[in-house]
Amino acid sequence: MESNRSRVYSRRKGSVQWNEEDRLALAGLLIKAGYIAKIGRGQVPGTEDRKNAQYEYYVEYWEEES
């Protein structure tokens, strides 16, 4: 069965950017609260063909289904 996943985004080159330490701290808090957490990065949709594509960083989290 597919679990319900949520993401918190931090876009590079944005006015307020989370650094790696911030993302690790958030993931640690989510894990302590009982969630499964994953840190990831992907290109912002619509910027794939640009020379300097913009990236978005995220912390994805979900609860394990029993």
PDB file of N, CA and C in Angstrom:
ATOM      1  N   MET A   1       0.841  -1.183   0.000  1.00  0.00           N
ATOM      2  CA  MET A   1       0.000   0.000   0.000  1.00  0.00           C
ATOM      3  C   MET A   1       0.885   1.246   0.000  1.00  0.00           C
ATOM      4  N   GLU A   2       0.536   2.247  -0.794  1.00  0.00           N
ATOM      5  CA  GLU A   2       1.301   3.485  -0.915  1.00  0.00           C
ATOM      6  C   GLU A   2       1.076   4.366   0.314  1.00  0.00           C
ATOM      7  N   SER A   3       2.174   4.868   0.874  1.00  0.00           N
ATOM      8  CA  SER A   3       2.050   5.746   2.035  1.00  0.00           C
ATOM      9  C   SER A   3       1.887   7.195   1.579  1.00  0.00           C
ATOM     10  N   ASN A   4       1.329   8.023   2.433  1.00  0.00           N
ATOM     11  CA  ASN A   4       1.105   9.427   2.146  1.00  0.00           C
ATOM     12  C   ASN A   4       2.378  10.201   2.487  1.00  0.00           C
ATOM     13  N   ARG A   5       3.062  10.729   1.482  1.00  0.00           N
ATOM     14  CA  ARG A   5       4.320  11.441   1.681  1.00  0.00           C
ATOM     15  C   ARG A   5       4.114  12.942   1.553  1.00  0.00           C
ATOM     16  N   SER A   6       4.874  13.669   2.349  1.00  0.00           N
ATOM     17  CA  SER A   6       4.849  15.124   2.299  1.00  0.00           C
ATOM     18  C   SER A   6       6.266  15.626   2.105  1.00  0.00           C
ATOM     19  N   ARG A   7       6.407  16.842   1.557  1.00  0.00           N
ATOM     20  CA  ARG A   7       7.723  17.432   1.326  1.00  0.00           C
ATOM     21  C   ARG A   7       7.762  18.867   1.826  1.00  0.00           C
ATOM     22  N   VAL A   8       8.921  19.230   2.361  1.00  0.00           N
ATOM     23  CA  VAL A   8       9.221  20.616   2.715  1.00  0.00           C
ATOM     24  C   VAL A   8      10.331  21.035   1.760  1.00  0.00           C
ATOM     25  N   TYR A   9      10.111  22.096   0.971  1.00  0.00           N
ATOM     26  CA  TYR A   9      11.052  22.517  -0.063  1.00  0.00           C
ATOM     27  C   TYR A   9      11.928  23.680   0.380  1.00  0.00           C
ATOM     28  N   SER A  10      13.144  23.704  -0.168  1.00  0.00           N
ATOM     29  CA  SER A  10      14.067  24.827  -0.009  1.00  0.00           C
ATOM     30  C   SER A  10      14.714  25.037  -1.366  1.00  0.00           C
ATOM     31  N   ARG A  11      14.379  26.116  -2.036  1.00  0.00           N
ATOM     32  CA  ARG A  11      14.886  26.355  -3.380  1.00  0.00           C
ATOM     33  C   ARG A  11      16.199  27.119  -3.345  1.00  0.00           C
ATOM     34  N   ARG A  12      17.148  26.630  -4.138  1.00  0.00           N
ATOM     35  CA  ARG A  12      18.435  27.302  -4.271  1.00  0.00           C
ATOM     36  C   ARG A  12      18.223  28.614  -5.007  1.00  0.00           C
ATOM     37  N   LYS A  13      19.005  29.623  -4.688  1.00  0.00           N
ATOM     38  CA  LYS A  13      18.940  30.955  -5.280  1.00  0.00           C
ATOM     39  C   LYS A  13      17.696  31.710  -4.843  1.00  0.00           C
ATOM     40  N   GLY A  14      16.992  31.198  -3.855  1.00  0.00           N
ATOM     41  CA  GLY A  14      15.806  31.894  -3.360  1.00  0.00           C
ATOM     42  C   GLY A  14      16.193  32.947  -2.334  1.00  0.00           C
ATOM     43  N   SER A  15      15.240  33.740  -1.919  1.00  0.00           N
ATOM     44  CA  SER A  15      15.525  34.797  -0.940  1.00  0.00           C
ATOM     45  C   SER A  15      15.803  34.211   0.440  1.00  0.00           C
ATOM     46  N   VAL A  16      15.146  33.114   0.767  1.00  0.00           N
ATOM     47  CA  VAL A  16      15.394  32.427   2.037  1.00  0.00           C
ATOM     48  C   VAL A  16      15.763  30.994   1.691  1.00  0.00           C
ATOM     49  N   GLN A  17      17.027  30.663   1.906  1.00  0.00           N
ATOM     50  CA  GLN A  17      17.510  29.343   1.519  1.00  0.00           C
ATOM     51  C   GLN A  17      17.953  28.566   2.745  1.00  0.00           C
ATOM     52  N   TRP A  18      17.519  27.333   2.843  1.00  0.00           N
ATOM     53  CA  TRP A  18      17.972  26.450   3.910  1.00  0.00           C
ATOM     54  C   TRP A  18      19.272  25.810   3.455  1.00  0.00           C
ATOM     55  N   ASN A  19      20.237  25.723   4.345  1.00  0.00           N
ATOM     56  CA  ASN A  19      21.471  25.048   3.989  1.00  0.00           C
ATOM     57  C   ASN A  19      21.379  23.572   4.381  1.00  0.00           C
ATOM     58  N   GLU A  20      22.435  22.841   4.104  1.00  0.00           N
ATOM     59  CA  GLU A  20      22.423  21.400   4.376  1.00  0.00           C
ATOM     60  C   GLU A  20      22.230  21.108   5.861  1.00  0.00           C
ATOM     61  N   GLU A  21      22.842  21.907   6.699  1.00  0.00           N
ATOM     62  CA  GLU A  21      22.706  21.724   8.154  1.00  0.00           C
ATOM     63  C   GLU A  21      21.254  21.885   8.597  1.00  0.00           C
ATOM     64  N   ASP A  22      20.564  22.849   8.022  1.00  0.00           N
ATOM     65  CA  ASP A  22      19.145  23.056   8.345  1.00  0.00           C
ATOM     66  C   ASP A  22      18.300  21.858   7.924  1.00  0.00           C
ATOM     67  N   ARG A  23      18.558  21.340   6.726  1.00  0.00           N
ATOM     68  CA  ARG A  23      17.793  20.187   6.241  1.00  0.00           C
ATOM     69  C   ARG A  23      18.060  18.950   7.086  1.00  0.00           C
ATOM     70  N   LEU A  24      19.316  18.749   7.485  1.00  0.00           N
ATOM     71  CA  LEU A  24      19.652  17.617   8.352  1.00  0.00           C
ATOM     72  C   LEU A  24      18.975  17.740   9.713  1.00  0.00           C
ATOM     73  N   ALA A  25      18.930  18.963  10.265  1.00  0.00           N
ATOM     74  CA  ALA A  25      18.278  19.184  11.558  1.00  0.00           C
ATOM     75  C   ALA A  25      16.782  18.876  11.460  1.00  0.00           C
ATOM     76  N   LEU A  26      16.144  19.332  10.381  1.00  0.00           N
ATOM     77  CA  LEU A  26      14.714  19.061  10.194  1.00  0.00           C
ATOM     78  C   LEU A  26      14.465  17.562  10.058  1.00  0.00           C
ATOM     79  N   ALA A  27      15.286  16.876   9.252  1.00  0.00           N
ATOM     80  CA  ALA A  27      15.125  15.434   9.080  1.00  0.00           C
ATOM     81  C   ALA A  27      15.317  14.715  10.417  1.00  0.00           C
ATOM     82  N   GLY A  28      16.285  15.154  11.219  1.00  0.00           N
ATOM     83  CA  GLY A  28      16.503  14.548  12.529  1.00  0.00           C
ATOM     84  C   GLY A  28      15.306  14.702  13.448  1.00  0.00           C
ATOM     85  N   LEU A  29      14.692  15.875  13.436  1.00  0.00           N
ATOM     86  CA  LEU A  29      13.501  16.100  14.265  1.00  0.00           C
ATOM     87  C   LEU A  29      12.335  15.220  13.810  1.00  0.00           C
ATOM     88  N   LEU A  30      12.165  15.097  12.509  1.00  0.00           N
ATOM     89  CA  LEU A  30      11.083  14.253  11.984  1.00  0.00           C
ATOM     90  C   LEU A  30      11.299  12.789  12.360  1.00  0.00           C
ATOM     91  N   ILE A  31      12.548  12.328  12.291  1.00  0.00           N
ATOM     92  CA  ILE A  31      12.851  10.945  12.658  1.00  0.00           C
ATOM     93  C   ILE A  31      12.574  10.713  14.141  1.00  0.00           C
ATOM     94  N   LYS A  32      12.966  11.668  14.977  1.00  0.00           N
ATOM     95  CA  LYS A  32      12.700  11.548  16.413  1.00  0.00           C
ATOM     96  C   LYS A  32      11.202  11.525  16.710  1.00  0.00           C
ATOM     97  N   ALA A  33      10.417  12.174  15.859  1.00  0.00           N
ATOM     98  CA  ALA A  33       8.966  12.209  16.041  1.00  0.00           C
ATOM     99  C   ALA A  33       8.289  10.958  15.481  1.00  0.00           C
ATOM    100  N   GLY A  34       9.069  10.024  14.915  1.00  0.00           N
ATOM    101  CA  GLY A  34       8.500   8.774  14.446  1.00  0.00           C
ATOM    102  C   GLY A  34       8.262   8.671  12.955  1.00  0.00           C
ATOM    103  N   TYR A  35       8.690   9.660  12.196  1.00  0.00           N
ATOM    104  CA  TYR A  35       8.520   9.624  10.743  1.00  0.00           C
ATOM    105  C   TYR A  35       9.749   9.004  10.080  1.00  0.00           C
ATOM    106  N   ILE A  36       9.591   8.602   8.849  1.00  0.00           N
ATOM    107  CA  ILE A  36      10.702   8.220   7.993  1.00  0.00           C
ATOM    108  C   ILE A  36      11.007   9.468   7.167  1.00  0.00           C
ATOM    109  N   ALA A  37      12.276   9.861   7.075  1.00  0.00           N
ATOM    110  CA  ALA A  37      12.641  11.097   6.379  1.00  0.00           C
ATOM    111  C   ALA A  37      13.722  10.840   5.344  1.00  0.00           C
ATOM    112  N   LYS A  38      13.650  11.608   4.258  1.00  0.00           N
ATOM    113  CA  LYS A  38      14.626  11.501   3.175  1.00  0.00           C
ATOM    114  C   LYS A  38      14.932  12.905   2.675  1.00  0.00           C
ATOM    115  N   ILE A  39      16.205  13.195   2.469  1.00  0.00           N
ATOM    116  CA  ILE A  39      16.622  14.483   1.918  1.00  0.00           C
ATOM    117  C   ILE A  39      16.916  14.275   0.440  1.00  0.00           C
ATOM    118  N   GLY A  40      16.418  15.177  -0.413  1.00  0.00           N
ATOM    119  CA  GLY A  40      16.621  15.017  -1.845  1.00  0.00           C
ATOM    120  C   GLY A  40      16.802  16.344  -2.552  1.00  0.00           C
ATOM    121  N   ARG A  41      17.135  16.251  -3.850  1.00  0.00           N
ATOM    122  CA  ARG A  41      17.337  17.427  -4.685  1.00  0.00           C
ATOM    123  C   ARG A  41      16.849  17.113  -6.082  1.00  0.00           C
ATOM    124  N   GLY A  42      16.240  18.086  -6.720  1.00  0.00           N
ATOM    125  CA  GLY A  42      15.786  17.914  -8.095  1.00  0.00           C
ATOM    126  C   GLY A  42      15.714  19.255  -8.801  1.00  0.00           C
ATOM    127  N   GLN A  43      15.688  19.221 -10.127  1.00  0.00           N
ATOM    128  CA  GLN A  43      15.583  20.457 -10.887  1.00  0.00           C
ATOM    129  C   GLN A  43      14.171  21.013 -10.790  1.00  0.00           C
ATOM    130  N   VAL A  44      14.096  22.333 -10.727  1.00  0.00           N
ATOM    131  CA  VAL A  44      12.804  23.002 -10.705  1.00  0.00           C
ATOM    132  C   VAL A  44      12.144  22.779 -12.067  1.00  0.00           C
ATOM    133  N   PRO A  45      10.907  22.311 -12.090  1.00  0.00           N
ATOM    134  CA  PRO A  45      10.225  22.091 -13.376  1.00  0.00           C
ATOM    135  C   PRO A  45      10.233  23.352 -14.237  1.00  0.00           C
ATOM    136  N   GLY A  46      10.563  23.168 -15.514  1.00  0.00           N
ATOM    137  CA  GLY A  46      10.608  24.291 -16.447  1.00  0.00           C
ATOM    138  C   GLY A  46      11.998  24.869 -16.629  1.00  0.00           C
ATOM    139  N   THR A  47      12.992  24.410 -15.855  1.00  0.00           N
ATOM    140  CA  THR A  47      14.356  24.936 -15.985  1.00  0.00           C
ATOM    141  C   THR A  47      15.327  23.884 -16.507  1.00  0.00           C
ATOM    142  N   GLU A  48      14.816  22.745 -16.964  1.00  0.00           N
ATOM    143  CA  GLU A  48      15.677  21.641 -17.390  1.00  0.00           C
ATOM    144  C   GLU A  48      16.566  22.009 -18.571  1.00  0.00           C
ATOM    145  N   ASP A  49      16.097  22.862 -19.475  1.00  0.00           N
ATOM    146  CA  ASP A  49      16.843  23.188 -20.685  1.00  0.00           C
ATOM    147  C   ASP A  49      17.780  24.381 -20.508  1.00  0.00           C
ATOM    148  N   ARG A  50      17.799  25.000 -19.366  1.00  0.00           N
ATOM    149  CA  ARG A  50      18.660  26.159 -19.132  1.00  0.00           C
ATOM    150  C   ARG A  50      20.087  25.724 -18.831  1.00  0.00           C
ATOM    151  N   LYS A  51      21.030  26.619 -19.145  1.00  0.00           N
ATOM    152  CA  LYS A  51      22.442  26.342 -18.865  1.00  0.00           C
ATOM    153  C   LYS A  51      22.673  26.212 -17.363  1.00  0.00           C
ATOM    154  N   ASN A  52      22.099  27.123 -16.598  1.00  0.00           N
ATOM    155  CA  ASN A  52      22.215  27.108 -15.137  1.00  0.00           C
ATOM    156  C   ASN A  52      20.846  26.820 -14.530  1.00  0.00           C
ATOM    157  N   ALA A  53      20.443  25.584 -14.611  1.00  0.00           N
ATOM    158  CA  ALA A  53      19.121  25.194 -14.116  1.00  0.00           C
ATOM    159  C   ALA A  53      19.027  25.426 -12.612  1.00  0.00           C
ATOM    160  N   GLN A  54      17.849  25.796 -12.168  1.00  0.00           N
ATOM    161  CA  GLN A  54      17.615  26.032 -10.749  1.00  0.00           C
ATOM    162  C   GLN A  54      17.246  24.705 -10.084  1.00  0.00           C
ATOM    163  N   TYR A  55      17.774  24.485  -8.885  1.00  0.00           N
ATOM    164  CA  TYR A  55      17.493  23.266  -8.139  1.00  0.00           C
ATOM    165  C   TYR A  55      16.668  23.577  -6.910  1.00  0.00           C
ATOM    166  N   GLU A  56      15.872  22.600  -6.523  1.00  0.00           N
ATOM    167  CA  GLU A  56      15.130  22.704  -5.283  1.00  0.00           C
ATOM    168  C   GLU A  56      15.540  21.538  -4.400  1.00  0.00           C
ATOM    169  N   TYR A  57      15.731  21.832  -3.149  1.00  0.00           N
ATOM    170  CA  TYR A  57      16.089  20.821  -2.164  1.00  0.00           C
ATOM    171  C   TYR A  57      14.864  20.566  -1.308  1.00  0.00           C
ATOM    172  N   TYR A  58      14.723  19.348  -0.831  1.00  0.00           N
ATOM    173  CA  TYR A  58      13.526  19.031  -0.049  1.00  0.00           C
ATOM    174  C   TYR A  58      13.842  17.996   1.015  1.00  0.00           C
ATOM    175  N   VAL A  59      12.984  18.004   2.028  1.00  0.00           N
ATOM    176  CA  VAL A  59      12.970  16.942   3.030  1.00  0.00           C
ATOM    177  C   VAL A  59      11.619  16.269   2.867  1.00  0.00           C
ATOM    178  N   GLU A  60      11.646  15.006   2.503  1.00  0.00           N
ATOM    179  CA  GLU A  60      10.419  14.229   2.315  1.00  0.00           C
ATOM    180  C   GLU A  60      10.217  13.362   3.563  1.00  0.00           C
ATOM    181  N   TYR A  61       8.982  13.267   4.013  1.00  0.00           N
ATOM    182  CA  TYR A  61       8.731  12.466   5.220  1.00  0.00           C
ATOM    183  C   TYR A  61       7.375  11.777   5.124  1.00  0.00           C
ATOM    184  N   TRP A  62       7.285  10.649   5.836  1.00  0.00           N
ATOM    185  CA  TRP A  62       6.050   9.867   5.855  1.00  0.00           C
ATOM    186  C   TRP A  62       6.072   8.932   7.050  1.00  0.00           C
ATOM    187  N   GLU A  63       4.902   8.398   7.362  1.00  0.00           N
ATOM    188  CA  GLU A  63       4.784   7.417   8.440  1.00  0.00           C
ATOM    189  C   GLU A  63       4.744   6.025   7.824  1.00  0.00           C
ATOM    190  N   GLU A  64       5.404   5.089   8.470  1.00  0.00           N
ATOM    191  CA  GLU A  64       5.376   3.720   7.996  1.00  0.00           C
ATOM    192  C   GLU A  64       4.012   3.114   8.287  1.00  0.00           C
ATOM    193  N   GLU A  65       3.451   2.470   7.281  1.00  0.00           N
ATOM    194  CA  GLU A  65       2.142   1.837   7.460  1.00  0.00           C
ATOM    195  C   GLU A  65       2.316   0.453   8.035  1.00  0.00           C
ATOM    196  N   SER A  66       1.452   0.082   8.981  1.00  0.00           N
ATOM    197  CA  SER A  66       1.571  -1.237   9.598  1.00  0.00           C
ATOM    198  C   SER A  66       0.645  -2.249   9.002  1.00  0.00           C
TER     199      SER A  66
END
